[in-house]
Amino acid sequence: MPTFIFQLVDGSLGDVTEIQHEIDTLDEARSEGRTLLRELVAKGSPDEFADMMSVEIFDAERRPFVELRLTFDQIEKRS
């Protein structure tokens, strides 16, 4: 079973968290990456959010496959 490395960036300019999982396919790794990204958002508070959170997926040799990124924009509606 292939090993995938997930690098989690919470946008706080802190350390990058790495998680390794053995997963059958790249599609399943993408699904896991989306789950990890949702968990990053769920555990943070709105006051702690930076402009971006992401999960980057690598193979066991650290070759990148895909980055899943969530950006936060504040759009003022009053003038």
PDB file of N, CA and C in Angstrom:
ATOM      1  N   MET A   1       0.853  -1.167   0.000  1.00  0.00           N
ATOM      2  CA  MET A   1       0.000   0.000   0.000  1.00  0.00           C
ATOM      3  C   MET A   1       0.905   1.238   0.000  1.00  0.00           C
ATOM      4  N   PRO A   2       0.632   2.208  -0.876  1.00  0.00           N
ATOM      5  CA  PRO A   2       1.475   3.405  -0.945  1.00  0.00           C
ATOM      6  C   PRO A   2       1.349   4.285   0.302  1.00  0.00           C
ATOM      7  N   THR A   3       2.442   4.965   0.622  1.00  0.00           N
ATOM      8  CA  THR A   3       2.449   5.921   1.717  1.00  0.00           C
ATOM      9  C   THR A   3       2.320   7.326   1.146  1.00  0.00           C
ATOM     10  N   PHE A   4       1.439   8.114   1.731  1.00  0.00           N
ATOM     11  CA  PHE A   4       1.269   9.510   1.362  1.00  0.00           C
ATOM     12  C   PHE A   4       1.616  10.374   2.561  1.00  0.00           C
ATOM     13  N   ILE A   5       2.263  11.493   2.309  1.00  0.00           N
ATOM     14  CA  ILE A   5       2.611  12.457   3.344  1.00  0.00           C
ATOM     15  C   ILE A   5       1.703  13.667   3.172  1.00  0.00           C
ATOM     16  N   PHE A   6       1.089  14.086   4.263  1.00  0.00           N
ATOM     17  CA  PHE A   6       0.193  15.242   4.264  1.00  0.00           C
ATOM     18  C   PHE A   6       0.852  16.335   5.091  1.00  0.00           C
ATOM     19  N   GLN A   7       1.101  17.487   4.477  1.00  0.00           N
ATOM     20  CA  GLN A   7       1.628  18.639   5.203  1.00  0.00           C
ATOM     21  C   GLN A   7       0.479  19.601   5.452  1.00  0.00           C
ATOM     22  N   LEU A   8       0.220  19.891   6.722  1.00  0.00           N
ATOM     23  CA  LEU A   8      -0.884  20.765   7.105  1.00  0.00           C
ATOM     24  C   LEU A   8      -0.339  22.127   7.491  1.00  0.00           C
ATOM     25  N   VAL A   9      -0.863  23.164   6.849  1.00  0.00           N
ATOM     26  CA  VAL A   9      -0.489  24.539   7.146  1.00  0.00           C
ATOM     27  C   VAL A   9      -1.746  25.249   7.620  1.00  0.00           C
ATOM     28  N   ASP A  10      -1.716  25.719   8.878  1.00  0.00           N
ATOM     29  CA  ASP A  10      -2.926  26.345   9.423  1.00  0.00           C
ATOM     30  C   ASP A  10      -2.955  27.855   9.224  1.00  0.00           C
ATOM     31  N   GLY A  11      -1.931  28.410   8.582  1.00  0.00           N
ATOM     32  CA  GLY A  11      -1.932  29.830   8.286  1.00  0.00           C
ATOM     33  C   GLY A  11      -1.409  30.695   9.414  1.00  0.00           C
ATOM     34  N   SER A  12      -1.016  30.108  10.522  1.00  0.00           N
ATOM     35  CA  SER A  12      -0.557  30.892  11.663  1.00  0.00           C
ATOM     36  C   SER A  12       0.938  31.197  11.601  1.00  0.00           C
ATOM     37  N   LEU A  13       1.590  30.814  10.535  1.00  0.00           N
ATOM     38  CA  LEU A  13       3.035  30.960  10.365  1.00  0.00           C
ATOM     39  C   LEU A  13       3.812  30.146  11.388  1.00  0.00           C
ATOM     40  N   GLY A  14       3.143  29.175  11.989  1.00  0.00           N
ATOM     41  CA  GLY A  14       3.803  28.265  12.919  1.00  0.00           C
ATOM     42  C   GLY A  14       4.412  27.109  12.155  1.00  0.00           C
ATOM     43  N   ASP A  15       4.732  26.081  12.884  1.00  0.00           N
ATOM     44  CA  ASP A  15       5.315  24.903  12.265  1.00  0.00           C
ATOM     45  C   ASP A  15       4.310  24.194  11.367  1.00  0.00           C
ATOM     46  N   VAL A  16       4.837  23.571  10.342  1.00  0.00           N
ATOM     47  CA  VAL A  16       4.022  22.742   9.462  1.00  0.00           C
ATOM     48  C   VAL A  16       3.881  21.380  10.125  1.00  0.00           C
ATOM     49  N   THR A  17       2.668  20.851  10.147  1.00  0.00           N
ATOM     50  CA  THR A  17       2.413  19.525  10.705  1.00  0.00           C
ATOM     51  C   THR A  17       2.434  18.508   9.577  1.00  0.00           C
ATOM     52  N   GLU A  18       3.113  17.390   9.801  1.00  0.00           N
ATOM     53  CA  GLU A  18       3.136  16.317   8.810  1.00  0.00           C
ATOM     54  C   GLU A  18       2.491  15.065   9.377  1.00  0.00           C
ATOM     55  N   ILE A  19       1.698  14.431   8.530  1.00  0.00           N
ATOM     56  CA  ILE A  19       1.039  13.177   8.870  1.00  0.00           C
ATOM     57  C   ILE A  19       1.292  12.215   7.719  1.00  0.00           C
ATOM     58  N   GLN A  20       1.613  10.970   8.037  1.00  0.00           N
ATOM     59  CA  GLN A  20       1.784   9.946   7.002  1.00  0.00           C
ATOM     60  C   GLN A  20       0.670   8.917   7.133  1.00  0.00           C
ATOM     61  N   HIS A  21       0.129   8.512   5.980  1.00  0.00           N
ATOM     62  CA  HIS A  21      -0.895   7.477   5.945  1.00  0.00           C
ATOM     63  C   HIS A  21      -0.591   6.536   4.799  1.00  0.00           C
ATOM     64  N   GLU A  22      -0.886   5.286   5.008  1.00  0.00           N
ATOM     65  CA  GLU A  22      -0.866   4.322   3.909  1.00  0.00           C
ATOM     66  C   GLU A  22      -2.273   4.283   3.338  1.00  0.00           C
ATOM     67  N   ILE A  23      -2.385   4.649   2.072  1.00  0.00           N
ATOM     68  CA  ILE A  23      -3.692   4.757   1.416  1.00  0.00           C
ATOM     69  C   ILE A  23      -3.566   4.122   0.037  1.00  0.00           C
ATOM     70  N   ASP A  24      -4.624   3.461  -0.411  1.00  0.00           N
ATOM     71  CA  ASP A  24      -4.581   2.702  -1.665  1.00  0.00           C
ATOM     72  C   ASP A  24      -4.353   3.545  -2.915  1.00  0.00           C
ATOM     73  N   THR A  25      -5.062   4.677  -3.043  1.00  0.00           N
ATOM     74  CA  THR A  25      -5.015   5.432  -4.297  1.00  0.00           C
ATOM     75  C   THR A  25      -4.863   6.929  -4.038  1.00  0.00           C
ATOM     76  N   LEU A  26      -4.458   7.650  -5.078  1.00  0.00           N
ATOM     77  CA  LEU A  26      -4.354   9.098  -4.978  1.00  0.00           C
ATOM     78  C   LEU A  26      -5.730   9.727  -4.743  1.00  0.00           C
ATOM     79  N   ASP A  27      -6.770   9.180  -5.339  1.00  0.00           N
ATOM     80  CA  ASP A  27      -8.126   9.705  -5.096  1.00  0.00           C
ATOM     81  C   ASP A  27      -8.507   9.594  -3.621  1.00  0.00           C
ATOM     82  N   GLU A  28      -8.161   8.480  -2.993  1.00  0.00           N
ATOM     83  CA  GLU A  28      -8.435   8.329  -1.559  1.00  0.00           C
ATOM     84  C   GLU A  28      -7.576   9.276  -0.734  1.00  0.00           C
ATOM     85  N   ALA A  29      -6.351   9.536  -1.189  1.00  0.00           N
ATOM     86  CA  ALA A  29      -5.479  10.493  -0.499  1.00  0.00           C
ATOM     87  C   ALA A  29      -6.065  11.902  -0.603  1.00  0.00           C
ATOM     88  N   ARG A  30      -6.607  12.253  -1.757  1.00  0.00           N
ATOM     89  CA  ARG A  30      -7.266  13.568  -1.903  1.00  0.00           C
ATOM     90  C   ARG A  30      -8.447  13.685  -0.948  1.00  0.00           C
ATOM     91  N   SER A  31      -9.223  12.635  -0.850  1.00  0.00           N
ATOM     92  CA  SER A  31     -10.363  12.633   0.064  1.00  0.00           C
ATOM     93  C   SER A  31      -9.899  12.816   1.508  1.00  0.00           C
ATOM     94  N   GLU A  32      -8.830  12.132   1.889  1.00  0.00           N
ATOM     95  CA  GLU A  32      -8.267  12.285   3.230  1.00  0.00           C
ATOM     96  C   GLU A  32      -7.761  13.710   3.436  1.00  0.00           C
ATOM     97  N   GLY A  33      -7.142  14.274   2.406  1.00  0.00           N
ATOM     98  CA  GLY A  33      -6.667  15.652   2.488  1.00  0.00           C
ATOM     99  C   GLY A  33      -7.798  16.639   2.728  1.00  0.00           C
ATOM    100  N   ARG A  34      -8.937  16.440   2.059  1.00  0.00           N
ATOM    101  CA  ARG A  34     -10.106  17.311   2.280  1.00  0.00           C
ATOM    102  C   ARG A  34     -10.611  17.172   3.713  1.00  0.00           C
ATOM    103  N   THR A  35     -10.602  15.958   4.227  1.00  0.00           N
ATOM    104  CA  THR A  35     -11.022  15.738   5.615  1.00  0.00           C
ATOM    105  C   THR A  35     -10.077  16.460   6.578  1.00  0.00           C
ATOM    106  N   LEU A  36      -8.779  16.354   6.343  1.00  0.00           N
ATOM    107  CA  LEU A  36      -7.800  17.028   7.201  1.00  0.00           C
ATOM    108  C   LEU A  36      -7.967  18.543   7.139  1.00  0.00           C
ATOM    109  N   LEU A  37      -8.258  19.080   5.964  1.00  0.00           N
ATOM    110  CA  LEU A  37      -8.464  20.520   5.824  1.00  0.00           C
ATOM    111  C   LEU A  37      -9.704  20.969   6.599  1.00  0.00           C
ATOM    112  N   ARG A  38     -10.768  20.196   6.519  1.00  0.00           N
ATOM    113  CA  ARG A  38     -11.986  20.517   7.297  1.00  0.00           C
ATOM    114  C   ARG A  38     -11.687  20.489   8.793  1.00  0.00           C
ATOM    115  N   GLU A  39     -10.868  19.539   9.226  1.00  0.00           N
ATOM    116  CA  GLU A  39     -10.510  19.457  10.645  1.00  0.00           C
ATOM    117  C   GLU A  39      -9.677  20.662  11.083  1.00  0.00           C
ATOM    118  N   LEU A  40      -8.793  21.151  10.208  1.00  0.00           N
ATOM    119  CA  LEU A  40      -8.026  22.358  10.521  1.00  0.00           C
ATOM    120  C   LEU A  40      -8.961  23.533  10.785  1.00  0.00           C
ATOM    121  N   VAL A  41      -9.949  23.681   9.932  1.00  0.00           N
ATOM    122  CA  VAL A  41     -10.909  24.784  10.074  1.00  0.00           C
ATOM    123  C   VAL A  41     -11.738  24.591  11.336  1.00  0.00           C
ATOM    124  N   ALA A  42     -12.188  23.387  11.593  1.00  0.00           N
ATOM    125  CA  ALA A  42     -13.079  23.129  12.728  1.00  0.00           C
ATOM    126  C   ALA A  42     -12.392  23.360  14.069  1.00  0.00           C
ATOM    127  N   LYS A  43     -11.101  23.101  14.163  1.00  0.00           N
ATOM    128  CA  LYS A  43     -10.446  23.228  15.468  1.00  0.00           C
ATOM    129  C   LYS A  43      -9.961  24.642  15.756  1.00  0.00           C
ATOM    130  N   GLY A  44      -9.949  25.509  14.768  1.00  0.00           N
ATOM    131  CA  GLY A  44      -9.509  26.880  14.981  1.00  0.00           C
ATOM    132  C   GLY A  44     -10.679  27.778  15.338  1.00  0.00           C
ATOM    133  N   SER A  45     -10.353  28.932  15.884  1.00  0.00           N
ATOM    134  CA  SER A  45     -11.401  29.913  16.143  1.00  0.00           C
ATOM    135  C   SER A  45     -11.288  31.009  15.093  1.00  0.00           C
ATOM    136  N   PRO A  46     -12.374  31.697  14.771  1.00  0.00           N
ATOM    137  CA  PRO A  46     -12.329  32.724  13.729  1.00  0.00           C
ATOM    138  C   PRO A  46     -11.276  33.806  13.996  1.00  0.00           C
ATOM    139  N   ASP A  47     -10.996  34.113  15.240  1.00  0.00           N
ATOM    140  CA  ASP A  47      -9.997  35.131  15.545  1.00  0.00           C
ATOM    141  C   ASP A  47      -8.578  34.664  15.241  1.00  0.00           C
ATOM    142  N   GLU A  48      -8.369  33.364  15.159  1.00  0.00           N
ATOM    143  CA  GLU A  48      -7.032  32.827  14.926  1.00  0.00           C
ATOM    144  C   GLU A  48      -6.748  32.568  13.452  1.00  0.00           C
ATOM    145  N   PHE A  49      -7.758  32.638  12.587  1.00  0.00           N
ATOM    146  CA  PHE A  49      -7.563  32.300  11.184  1.00  0.00           C
ATOM    147  C   PHE A  49      -6.649  33.303  10.491  1.00  0.00           C
ATOM    148  N   ALA A  50      -5.781  32.806   9.702  1.00  0.00           N
ATOM    149  CA  ALA A  50      -4.994  33.638   8.816  1.00  0.00           C
ATOM    150  C   ALA A  50      -5.750  33.696   7.487  1.00  0.00           C
ATOM    151  N   ASP A  51      -5.082  34.113   6.457  1.00  0.00           N
ATOM    152  CA  ASP A  51      -5.738  34.237   5.154  1.00  0.00           C
ATOM    153  C   ASP A  51      -5.838  32.920   4.401  1.00  0.00           C
ATOM    154  N   MET A  52      -5.135  31.884   4.879  1.00  0.00           N
ATOM    155  CA  MET A  52      -5.085  30.650   4.105  1.00  0.00           C
ATOM    156  C   MET A  52      -4.778  29.464   5.003  1.00  0.00           C
ATOM    157  N   MET A  53      -5.361  28.329   4.670  1.00  0.00           N
ATOM    158  CA  MET A  53      -5.023  27.036   5.256  1.00  0.00           C
ATOM    159  C   MET A  53      -4.860  26.069   4.091  1.00  0.00           C
ATOM    160  N   SER A  54      -3.963  25.093   4.261  1.00  0.00           N
ATOM    161  CA  SER A  54      -3.783  24.152   3.158  1.00  0.00           C
ATOM    162  C   SER A  54      -3.304  22.799   3.653  1.00  0.00           C
ATOM    163  N   VAL A  55      -3.521  21.805   2.797  1.00  0.00           N
ATOM    164  CA  VAL A  55      -2.983  20.464   2.978  1.00  0.00           C
ATOM    165  C   VAL A  55      -2.315  20.107   1.658  1.00  0.00           C
ATOM    166  N   GLU A  56      -1.015  19.844   1.714  1.00  0.00           N
ATOM    167  CA  GLU A  56      -0.295  19.437   0.522  1.00  0.00           C
ATOM    168  C   GLU A  56      -0.003  17.944   0.636  1.00  0.00           C
ATOM    169  N   ILE A  57      -0.205  17.238  -0.465  1.00  0.00           N
ATOM    170  CA  ILE A  57      -0.054  15.787  -0.478  1.00  0.00           C
ATOM    171  C   ILE A  57       1.181  15.412  -1.298  1.00  0.00           C
ATOM    172  N   PHE A  58       2.050  14.609  -0.682  1.00  0.00           N
ATOM    173  CA  PHE A  58       3.283  14.136  -1.309  1.00  0.00           C
ATOM    174  C   PHE A  58       3.300  12.607  -1.307  1.00  0.00           C
ATOM    175  N   ASP A  59       4.127  12.047  -2.188  1.00  0.00           N
ATOM    176  CA  ASP A  59       4.353  10.604  -2.106  1.00  0.00           C
ATOM    177  C   ASP A  59       5.441  10.338  -1.067  1.00  0.00           C
ATOM    178  N   ALA A  60       5.815   9.092  -0.885  1.00  0.00           N
ATOM    179  CA  ALA A  60       6.783   8.709   0.144  1.00  0.00           C
ATOM    180  C   ALA A  60       8.161   9.315  -0.098  1.00  0.00           C
ATOM    181  N   GLU A  61       8.480   9.664  -1.344  1.00  0.00           N
ATOM    182  CA  GLU A  61       9.760  10.294  -1.676  1.00  0.00           C
ATOM    183  C   GLU A  61       9.655  11.818  -1.664  1.00  0.00           C
ATOM    184  N   ARG A  62       8.548  12.330  -1.128  1.00  0.00           N
ATOM    185  CA  ARG A  62       8.281  13.769  -1.002  1.00  0.00           C
ATOM    186  C   ARG A  62       8.119  14.485  -2.334  1.00  0.00           C
ATOM    187  N   ARG A  63       7.658  13.766  -3.338  1.00  0.00           N
ATOM    188  CA  ARG A  63       7.294  14.412  -4.600  1.00  0.00           C
ATOM    189  C   ARG A  63       5.849  14.886  -4.458  1.00  0.00           C
ATOM    190  N   PRO A  64       5.577  16.167  -4.746  1.00  0.00           N
ATOM    191  CA  PRO A  64       4.228  16.700  -4.536  1.00  0.00           C
ATOM    192  C   PRO A  64       3.235  16.182  -5.575  1.00  0.00           C
ATOM    193  N   PHE A  65       2.012  15.915  -5.102  1.00  0.00           N
ATOM    194  CA  PHE A  65       0.912  15.531  -5.989  1.00  0.00           C
ATOM    195  C   PHE A  65      -0.079  16.675  -6.159  1.00  0.00           C
ATOM    196  N   VAL A  66      -0.549  17.207  -5.028  1.00  0.00           N
ATOM    197  CA  VAL A  66      -1.606  18.211  -5.091  1.00  0.00           C
ATOM    198  C   VAL A  66      -1.618  19.007  -3.787  1.00  0.00           C
ATOM    199  N   GLU A  67      -2.054  20.249  -3.880  1.00  0.00           N
ATOM    200  CA  GLU A  67      -2.269  21.071  -2.689  1.00  0.00           C
ATOM    201  C   GLU A  67      -3.741  21.465  -2.653  1.00  0.00           C
ATOM    202  N   LEU A  68      -4.351  21.242  -1.514  1.00  0.00           N
ATOM    203  CA  LEU A  68      -5.736  21.649  -1.286  1.00  0.00           C
ATOM    204  C   LEU A  68      -5.677  22.900  -0.423  1.00  0.00           C
ATOM    205  N   ARG A  69      -6.219  24.007  -0.922  1.00  0.00           N
ATOM    206  CA  ARG A  69      -6.069  25.283  -0.232  1.00  0.00           C
ATOM    207  C   ARG A  69      -7.423  25.927  -0.009  1.00  0.00           C
ATOM    208  N   LEU A  70      -7.572  26.469   1.181  1.00  0.00           N
ATOM    209  CA  LEU A  70      -8.779  27.211   1.536  1.00  0.00           C
ATOM    210  C   LEU A  70      -8.331  28.616   1.899  1.00  0.00           C
ATOM    211  N   THR A  71      -8.905  29.619   1.226  1.00  0.00           N
ATOM    212  CA  THR A  71      -8.544  31.000   1.523  1.00  0.00           C
ATOM    213  C   THR A  71      -9.730  31.705   2.164  1.00  0.00           C
ATOM    214  N   PHE A  72      -9.403  32.678   2.997  1.00  0.00           N
ATOM    215  CA  PHE A  72     -10.409  33.447   3.714  1.00  0.00           C
ATOM    216  C   PHE A  72     -10.310  34.897   3.272  1.00  0.00           C
ATOM    217  N   ASP A  73     -11.412  35.439   2.798  1.00  0.00           N
ATOM    218  CA  ASP A  73     -11.452  36.827   2.370  1.00  0.00           C
ATOM    219  C   ASP A  73     -12.534  37.545   3.164  1.00  0.00           C
ATOM    220  N   GLN A  74     -12.227  38.756   3.539  1.00  0.00           N
ATOM    221  CA  GLN A  74     -13.232  39.608   4.183  1.00  0.00           C
ATOM    222  C   GLN A  74     -13.615  40.661   3.173  1.00  0.00           C
ATOM    223  N   ILE A  75     -14.886  40.721   2.861  1.00  0.00           N
ATOM    224  CA  ILE A  75     -15.373  41.657   1.853  1.00  0.00           C
ATOM    225  C   ILE A  75     -16.323  42.637   2.534  1.00  0.00           C
ATOM    226  N   GLU A  76     -15.897  43.864   2.662  1.00  0.00           N
ATOM    227  CA  GLU A  76     -16.721  44.890   3.297  1.00  0.00           C
ATOM    228  C   GLU A  76     -17.890  45.247   2.374  1.00  0.00           C
ATOM    229  N   LYS A  77     -19.066  45.366   2.942  1.00  0.00           N
ATOM    230  CA  LYS A  77     -20.274  45.665   2.169  1.00  0.00           C
ATOM    231  C   LYS A  77     -20.791  47.088   2.409  1.00  0.00           C
ATOM    232  N   ARG A  78     -20.195  47.774   3.354  1.00  0.00           N
ATOM    233  CA  ARG A  78     -20.611  49.157   3.621  1.00  0.00           C
ATOM    234  C   ARG A  78     -19.531  50.100   3.160  1.00  0.00           C
ATOM    235  N   SER A  79     -19.959  51.272   2.752  1.00  0.00           N
ATOM    236  CA  SER A  79     -18.954  52.261   2.332  1.00  0.00           C
ATOM    237  C   SER A  79     -18.740  53.327   3.383  1.00  0.00           C
TER     238      SER A  79
END
